[in-house]
Amino acid sequence: MLKNILLDLDGTLTDPKVGITTSARYGLAKVGHAVAESENLDWIIGPPLKASLAKILNVAADDDLAEQALLGYRERFSVTGLFENQVYPDIAQTLARLTQRGFTLFVATAKPTIYAKQILAHFKLSPYFKEIYGSELTGERTNKGDLIEYILAEQQLNPKECLMVGDREYDILGARRHGIETIAVEYGYGSEAEISAANPKARIQHFKQLLECL
């Protein structure tokens, strides 16, 4: 029986595009790598950010240049960028219905926990969740599979009683690593090809459709 629902944040509960991409450009510019406004950076929303910045810089993920770009990103994001964000339609109402139906909800995001908690508090979504889990600023648990493993251990959850909902392949593959079923949202930042290749159990076009799937 399904009891617990793990929910991604970026691209699933909120649309963080402006804050993330503007802060990324800021961080990259600080290390001398300006990125034109015309260049699409939507693909960096979801995966571990440092690795994405390293890819743009054409350096290894552990290169100091990528670390410096990440620090620049956080300089802007921690003050301004995290609030340049928008809640998707019907999120609060659907979360309320899920809790009324007895599901226990958790956030599972690659975003640092400190930012995730501020964002969810800002949009008054925190009360719907038993706990909000993200990565550490050191980079620990940016991998979604590692994060889910940590949540299962911390909360003593049975994977067969869990569901993961997210918009990227990282959500689906990370959950599958632990035998957890998945639902992909199609309004986020995962492409049609990406979601199809990851092969979630179900797909929804609007968050409120989650109620019909359960």
C-alpha atoms as a PDB file:
ATOM      1  CA  MET A   1       0.000   0.000   0.000  1.00  0.00           C
ATOM      2  CA  LEU A   2       1.291   3.438  -0.936  1.00  0.00           C
ATOM      3  CA  LYS A   3       1.883   5.598   2.119  1.00  0.00           C
ATOM      4  CA  ASN A   4       4.706   8.038   1.308  1.00  0.00           C
ATOM      5  CA  ILE A   5       5.189  10.442  -1.592  1.00  0.00           C
ATOM      6  CA  LEU A   6       8.587  11.973  -2.365  1.00  0.00           C
ATOM      7  CA  LEU A   7       8.314  15.152  -4.409  1.00  0.00           C
ATOM      8  CA  ASP A   8      10.953  16.956  -6.404  1.00  0.00           C
ATOM      9  CA  LEU A   9      10.977  20.757  -6.064  1.00  0.00           C
ATOM     10  CA  ASP A  10      12.379  22.490  -9.171  1.00  0.00           C
ATOM     11  CA  GLY A  11      10.203  21.823 -12.203  1.00  0.00           C
ATOM     12  CA  THR A  12       7.649  19.897 -10.129  1.00  0.00           C
ATOM     13  CA  LEU A  13       6.326  22.158  -7.357  1.00  0.00           C
ATOM     14  CA  THR A  14       7.792  25.473  -8.519  1.00  0.00           C
ATOM     15  CA  ASP A  15       9.218  26.975 -11.694  1.00  0.00           C
ATOM     16  CA  PRO A  16      12.657  28.338 -10.692  1.00  0.00           C
ATOM     17  CA  LYS A  17      13.825  29.263 -14.188  1.00  0.00           C
ATOM     18  CA  VAL A  18      14.478  32.992 -13.710  1.00  0.00           C
ATOM     19  CA  GLY A  19      16.334  32.637 -10.411  1.00  0.00           C
ATOM     20  CA  ILE A  20      18.497  29.688 -11.438  1.00  0.00           C
ATOM     21  CA  THR A  21      19.462  30.808 -14.933  1.00  0.00           C
ATOM     22  CA  THR A  22      20.089  34.451 -13.946  1.00  0.00           C
ATOM     23  CA  SER A  23      22.206  33.383 -10.960  1.00  0.00           C
ATOM     24  CA  ALA A  24      24.113  30.902 -13.139  1.00  0.00           C
ATOM     25  CA  ARG A  25      24.943  33.655 -15.628  1.00  0.00           C
ATOM     26  CA  TYR A  26      26.084  35.824 -12.718  1.00  0.00           C
ATOM     27  CA  GLY A  27      28.360  33.098 -11.343  1.00  0.00           C
ATOM     28  CA  LEU A  28      29.810  32.263 -14.747  1.00  0.00           C
ATOM     29  CA  ALA A  29      30.462  35.941 -15.492  1.00  0.00           C
ATOM     30  CA  LYS A  30      32.359  36.237 -12.193  1.00  0.00           C
ATOM     31  CA  VAL A  31      34.878  33.663 -13.443  1.00  0.00           C
ATOM     32  CA  GLY A  32      35.195  35.370 -16.825  1.00  0.00           C
ATOM     33  CA  HIS A  33      32.782  33.206 -18.797  1.00  0.00           C
ATOM     34  CA  ALA A  34      29.870  35.430 -19.809  1.00  0.00           C
ATOM     35  CA  VAL A  35      26.881  33.588 -21.291  1.00  0.00           C
ATOM     36  CA  ALA A  36      24.619  35.448 -23.714  1.00  0.00           C
ATOM     37  CA  GLU A  37      20.959  35.923 -22.770  1.00  0.00           C
ATOM     38  CA  SER A  38      20.073  34.241 -26.053  1.00  0.00           C
ATOM     39  CA  GLU A  39      21.720  30.982 -24.944  1.00  0.00           C
ATOM     40  CA  ASN A  40      19.201  28.562 -23.430  1.00  0.00           C
ATOM     41  CA  LEU A  41      20.233  27.377 -19.963  1.00  0.00           C
ATOM     42  CA  ASP A  42      17.002  25.572 -19.050  1.00  0.00           C
ATOM     43  CA  TRP A  43      18.824  22.229 -19.136  1.00  0.00           C
ATOM     44  CA  ILE A  44      20.747  23.076 -15.951  1.00  0.00           C
ATOM     45  CA  ILE A  45      17.498  23.017 -13.915  1.00  0.00           C
ATOM     46  CA  GLY A  46      17.319  19.696 -12.096  1.00  0.00           C
ATOM     47  CA  PRO A  47      20.729  17.996 -12.277  1.00  0.00           C
ATOM     48  CA  PRO A  48      23.575  18.749  -9.831  1.00  0.00           C
ATOM     49  CA  LEU A  49      24.429  22.371 -10.579  1.00  0.00           C
ATOM     50  CA  LYS A  50      28.204  22.255 -10.160  1.00  0.00           C
ATOM     51  CA  ALA A  51      28.483  19.566 -12.838  1.00  0.00           C
ATOM     52  CA  SER A  52      26.359  21.679 -15.201  1.00  0.00           C
ATOM     53  CA  LEU A  53      28.509  24.764 -14.610  1.00  0.00           C
ATOM     54  CA  ALA A  54      31.617  22.666 -15.232  1.00  0.00           C
ATOM     55  CA  LYS A  55      30.137  21.469 -18.518  1.00  0.00           C
ATOM     56  CA  ILE A  56      29.524  25.059 -19.627  1.00  0.00           C
ATOM     57  CA  LEU A  57      33.077  25.975 -18.606  1.00  0.00           C
ATOM     58  CA  ASN A  58      34.425  22.845 -20.321  1.00  0.00           C
ATOM     59  CA  VAL A  59      36.311  21.742 -17.208  1.00  0.00           C
ATOM     60  CA  ALA A  60      36.105  18.717 -14.905  1.00  0.00           C
ATOM     61  CA  ALA A  61      33.360  18.763 -12.258  1.00  0.00           C
ATOM     62  CA  ASP A  62      35.976  18.973  -9.479  1.00  0.00           C
ATOM     63  CA  ASP A  63      37.867  21.824 -11.140  1.00  0.00           C
ATOM     64  CA  ASP A  64      38.313  24.930  -8.978  1.00  0.00           C
ATOM     65  CA  LEU A  65      36.835  27.112 -11.746  1.00  0.00           C
ATOM     66  CA  ALA A  66      33.528  25.242 -11.453  1.00  0.00           C
ATOM     67  CA  GLU A  67      33.632  25.696  -7.667  1.00  0.00           C
ATOM     68  CA  GLN A  68      34.237  29.424  -8.040  1.00  0.00           C
ATOM     69  CA  ALA A  69      31.342  29.727 -10.526  1.00  0.00           C
ATOM     70  CA  LEU A  70      29.124  27.857  -8.043  1.00  0.00           C
ATOM     71  CA  LEU A  71      30.120  30.221  -5.242  1.00  0.00           C
ATOM     72  CA  GLY A  72      29.257  33.161  -7.504  1.00  0.00           C
ATOM     73  CA  TYR A  73      25.910  31.550  -8.284  1.00  0.00           C
ATOM     74  CA  ARG A  74      25.143  31.172  -4.587  1.00  0.00           C
ATOM     75  CA  GLU A  75      26.168  34.763  -3.893  1.00  0.00           C
ATOM     76  CA  ARG A  76      23.218  35.943  -5.986  1.00  0.00           C
ATOM     77  CA  PHE A  77      20.837  33.008  -5.550  1.00  0.00           C
ATOM     78  CA  SER A  78      20.885  33.008  -1.742  1.00  0.00           C
ATOM     79  CA  VAL A  79      19.738  36.651  -1.621  1.00  0.00           C
ATOM     80  CA  THR A  80      17.622  37.180  -4.734  1.00  0.00           C
ATOM     81  CA  GLY A  81      17.453  34.154  -6.990  1.00  0.00           C
ATOM     82  CA  LEU A  82      15.631  31.750  -4.708  1.00  0.00           C
ATOM     83  CA  PHE A  83      12.589  34.042  -4.673  1.00  0.00           C
ATOM     84  CA  GLU A  84      12.593  34.543  -8.464  1.00  0.00           C
ATOM     85  CA  ASN A  85      10.344  31.541  -8.544  1.00  0.00           C
ATOM     86  CA  GLN A  86       6.705  30.691  -9.225  1.00  0.00           C
ATOM     87  CA  VAL A  87       4.467  27.957  -7.823  1.00  0.00           C
ATOM     88  CA  TYR A  88       2.819  25.844 -10.517  1.00  0.00           C
ATOM     89  CA  PRO A  89      -1.021  25.780 -10.659  1.00  0.00           C
ATOM     90  CA  ASP A  90      -2.996  23.745  -8.107  1.00  0.00           C
ATOM     91  CA  ILE A  91       0.060  22.786  -6.032  1.00  0.00           C
ATOM     92  CA  ALA A  92      -1.179  23.821  -2.567  1.00  0.00           C
ATOM     93  CA  GLN A  93      -4.696  22.470  -3.146  1.00  0.00           C
ATOM     94  CA  THR A  94      -3.362  19.124  -4.362  1.00  0.00           C
ATOM     95  CA  LEU A  95      -0.867  18.796  -1.501  1.00  0.00           C
ATOM     96  CA  ALA A  96      -3.701  19.507   0.935  1.00  0.00           C
ATOM     97  CA  ARG A  97      -5.857  16.783  -0.665  1.00  0.00           C
ATOM     98  CA  LEU A  98      -2.992  14.298  -0.525  1.00  0.00           C
ATOM     99  CA  THR A  99      -2.450  14.887   3.182  1.00  0.00           C
ATOM    100  CA  GLN A 100      -6.211  14.661   3.800  1.00  0.00           C
ATOM    101  CA  ARG A 101      -6.160  11.260   2.124  1.00  0.00           C
ATOM    102  CA  GLY A 102      -3.494  10.100   4.574  1.00  0.00           C
ATOM    103  CA  PHE A 103      -0.322  10.276   2.498  1.00  0.00           C
ATOM    104  CA  THR A 104       2.896  11.420   4.170  1.00  0.00           C
ATOM    105  CA  LEU A 105       4.769  13.884   1.959  1.00  0.00           C
ATOM    106  CA  PHE A 106       8.494  14.579   1.696  1.00  0.00           C
ATOM    107  CA  VAL A 107      10.490  16.921  -0.534  1.00  0.00           C
ATOM    108  CA  ALA A 108      13.453  15.267  -2.269  1.00  0.00           C
ATOM    109  CA  THR A 109      15.451  17.858  -4.198  1.00  0.00           C
ATOM    110  CA  ALA A 110      19.032  18.175  -5.424  1.00  0.00           C
ATOM    111  CA  LYS A 111      18.848  21.832  -4.342  1.00  0.00           C
ATOM    112  CA  PRO A 112      20.627  22.534  -1.043  1.00  0.00           C
ATOM    113  CA  THR A 113      18.260  21.939   1.875  1.00  0.00           C
ATOM    114  CA  ILE A 114      18.851  25.452   3.228  1.00  0.00           C
ATOM    115  CA  TYR A 115      17.442  26.990   0.013  1.00  0.00           C
ATOM    116  CA  ALA A 116      14.629  24.466  -0.397  1.00  0.00           C
ATOM    117  CA  LYS A 117      13.332  25.201   3.096  1.00  0.00           C
ATOM    118  CA  GLN A 118      13.405  28.969   2.510  1.00  0.00           C
ATOM    119  CA  ILE A 119      11.554  28.638  -0.807  1.00  0.00           C
ATOM    120  CA  LEU A 120       8.838  26.363   0.559  1.00  0.00           C
ATOM    121  CA  ALA A 121       8.379  28.584   3.617  1.00  0.00           C
ATOM    122  CA  HIS A 122       8.168  31.672   1.380  1.00  0.00           C
ATOM    123  CA  PHE A 123       5.376  30.105  -0.674  1.00  0.00           C
ATOM    124  CA  LYS A 124       3.673  28.684   2.462  1.00  0.00           C
ATOM    125  CA  LEU A 125       4.053  25.096   1.282  1.00  0.00           C
ATOM    126  CA  SER A 126       6.186  23.809   4.185  1.00  0.00           C
ATOM    127  CA  PRO A 127       3.284  22.662   6.397  1.00  0.00           C
ATOM    128  CA  TYR A 128       2.283  19.974   3.898  1.00  0.00           C
ATOM    129  CA  PHE A 129       5.580  18.110   4.290  1.00  0.00           C
ATOM    130  CA  LYS A 130       6.775  15.909   7.116  1.00  0.00           C
ATOM    131  CA  GLU A 131      10.356  16.795   6.156  1.00  0.00           C
ATOM    132  CA  ILE A 132      12.229  18.672   3.433  1.00  0.00           C
ATOM    133  CA  TYR A 133      15.337  16.904   2.154  1.00  0.00           C
ATOM    134  CA  GLY A 134      17.947  18.352  -0.179  1.00  0.00           C
ATOM    135  CA  SER A 135      21.673  18.303  -0.730  1.00  0.00           C
ATOM    136  CA  GLU A 136      24.429  19.812   1.401  1.00  0.00           C
ATOM    137  CA  LEU A 137      26.334  22.940   0.332  1.00  0.00           C
ATOM    138  CA  THR A 138      29.408  20.700   0.210  1.00  0.00           C
ATOM    139  CA  GLY A 139      27.821  18.804  -2.697  1.00  0.00           C
ATOM    140  CA  GLU A 140      26.818  15.766  -0.667  1.00  0.00           C
ATOM    141  CA  ARG A 141      23.580  14.087  -1.827  1.00  0.00           C
ATOM    142  CA  THR A 142      23.204  16.093  -5.043  1.00  0.00           C
ATOM    143  CA  ASN A 143      22.751  12.688  -6.722  1.00  0.00           C
ATOM    144  CA  LYS A 144      19.035  11.873  -6.494  1.00  0.00           C
ATOM    145  CA  GLY A 145      19.639   8.175  -5.874  1.00  0.00           C
ATOM    146  CA  ASP A 146      21.944   8.976  -2.956  1.00  0.00           C
ATOM    147  CA  LEU A 147      19.411  11.459  -1.592  1.00  0.00           C
ATOM    148  CA  ILE A 148      16.564   8.941  -1.739  1.00  0.00           C
ATOM    149  CA  GLU A 149      18.740   6.335  -0.024  1.00  0.00           C
ATOM    150  CA  TYR A 150      19.362   8.853   2.771  1.00  0.00           C
ATOM    151  CA  ILE A 151      15.631   9.650   3.116  1.00  0.00           C
ATOM    152  CA  LEU A 152      14.673   5.966   3.272  1.00  0.00           C
ATOM    153  CA  ALA A 153      17.214   5.385   6.035  1.00  0.00           C
ATOM    154  CA  GLU A 154      16.405   8.543   7.995  1.00  0.00           C
ATOM    155  CA  GLN A 155      12.644   7.953   7.947  1.00  0.00           C
ATOM    156  CA  GLN A 156      12.797   4.133   8.028  1.00  0.00           C
ATOM    157  CA  LEU A 157      10.574   3.928   4.934  1.00  0.00           C
ATOM    158  CA  ASN A 158       9.683   0.808   2.984  1.00  0.00           C
ATOM    159  CA  PRO A 159      10.432   1.520  -0.716  1.00  0.00           C
ATOM    160  CA  LYS A 160       7.344  -0.513  -1.718  1.00  0.00           C
ATOM    161  CA  GLU A 161       5.212   2.001   0.184  1.00  0.00           C
ATOM    162  CA  CYS A 162       6.805   5.009  -1.562  1.00  0.00           C
ATOM    163  CA  LEU A 163       6.274   6.968  -4.779  1.00  0.00           C
ATOM    164  CA  MET A 164       8.616   9.526  -6.393  1.00  0.00           C
ATOM    165  CA  VAL A 165       7.188  12.412  -8.422  1.00  0.00           C
ATOM    166  CA  GLY A 166       9.520  14.572 -10.520  1.00  0.00           C
ATOM    167  CA  ASP A 167      10.190  16.123 -13.906  1.00  0.00           C
ATOM    168  CA  ARG A 168      13.653  14.818 -14.829  1.00  0.00           C
ATOM    169  CA  GLU A 169      15.262  11.458 -15.527  1.00  0.00           C
ATOM    170  CA  TYR A 170      17.313  11.883 -12.357  1.00  0.00           C
ATOM    171  CA  ASP A 171      14.122  11.595 -10.289  1.00  0.00           C
ATOM    172  CA  ILE A 172      12.943   8.485 -12.096  1.00  0.00           C
ATOM    173  CA  LEU A 173      16.282   6.673 -12.259  1.00  0.00           C
ATOM    174  CA  GLY A 174      17.224   7.641  -8.693  1.00  0.00           C
ATOM    175  CA  ALA A 175      13.953   6.215  -7.367  1.00  0.00           C
ATOM    176  CA  ARG A 176      14.166   3.070  -9.501  1.00  0.00           C
ATOM    177  CA  ARG A 177      17.586   2.351  -7.970  1.00  0.00           C
ATOM    178  CA  HIS A 178      15.704   1.683  -4.728  1.00  0.00           C
ATOM    179  CA  GLY A 179      12.672  -0.092  -6.189  1.00  0.00           C
ATOM    180  CA  ILE A 180      10.392   2.945  -5.891  1.00  0.00           C
ATOM    181  CA  GLU A 181       7.641   3.559  -8.461  1.00  0.00           C
ATOM    182  CA  THR A 182       7.637   6.924 -10.237  1.00  0.00           C
ATOM    183  CA  ILE A 183       5.333   9.447 -11.844  1.00  0.00           C
ATOM    184  CA  ALA A 184       6.778  12.065 -14.205  1.00  0.00           C
ATOM    185  CA  VAL A 185       5.292  15.535 -14.596  1.00  0.00           C
ATOM    186  CA  GLU A 186       5.428  16.740 -18.187  1.00  0.00           C
ATOM    187  CA  TYR A 187       5.196  20.479 -17.488  1.00  0.00           C
ATOM    188  CA  GLY A 188       8.712  20.704 -15.978  1.00  0.00           C
ATOM    189  CA  TYR A 189      12.162  20.650 -17.535  1.00  0.00           C
ATOM    190  CA  GLY A 190      12.524  17.051 -18.689  1.00  0.00           C
ATOM    191  CA  SER A 191      12.177  16.687 -22.456  1.00  0.00           C
ATOM    192  CA  GLU A 192       9.772  14.225 -24.047  1.00  0.00           C
ATOM    193  CA  ALA A 193      12.721  12.075 -25.139  1.00  0.00           C
ATOM    194  CA  GLU A 194      14.287  12.159 -21.672  1.00  0.00           C
ATOM    195  CA  ILE A 195      11.096  11.134 -19.885  1.00  0.00           C
ATOM    196  CA  SER A 196      10.288   8.435 -22.429  1.00  0.00           C
ATOM    197  CA  ALA A 197      13.768   6.933 -22.093  1.00  0.00           C
ATOM    198  CA  ALA A 198      13.513   6.921 -18.290  1.00  0.00           C
ATOM    199  CA  ASN A 199      10.146   5.131 -18.561  1.00  0.00           C
ATOM    200  CA  PRO A 200       8.202   6.188 -15.437  1.00  0.00           C
ATOM    201  CA  LYS A 201       5.148   4.196 -14.352  1.00  0.00           C
ATOM    202  CA  ALA A 202       2.868   7.116 -15.273  1.00  0.00           C
ATOM    203  CA  ARG A 203       2.980  10.662 -16.658  1.00  0.00           C
ATOM    204  CA  ILE A 204       0.824  13.676 -15.823  1.00  0.00           C
ATOM    205  CA  GLN A 205       0.347  17.005 -17.558  1.00  0.00           C
ATOM    206  CA  HIS A 206      -0.943  18.879 -14.490  1.00  0.00           C
ATOM    207  CA  PHE A 207      -0.030  18.376 -10.848  1.00  0.00           C
ATOM    208  CA  LYS A 208      -3.654  17.907  -9.765  1.00  0.00           C
ATOM    209  CA  GLN A 209      -3.811  14.796 -11.972  1.00  0.00           C
ATOM    210  CA  LEU A 210      -1.660  13.111  -9.320  1.00  0.00           C
ATOM    211  CA  LEU A 211      -4.881  12.643  -7.310  1.00  0.00           C
ATOM    212  CA  GLU A 212      -6.375  10.582 -10.146  1.00  0.00           C
ATOM    213  CA  CYS A 213      -3.255   8.376 -10.412  1.00  0.00           C
ATOM    214  CA  LEU A 214      -3.296   7.263  -6.780  1.00  0.00           C
END
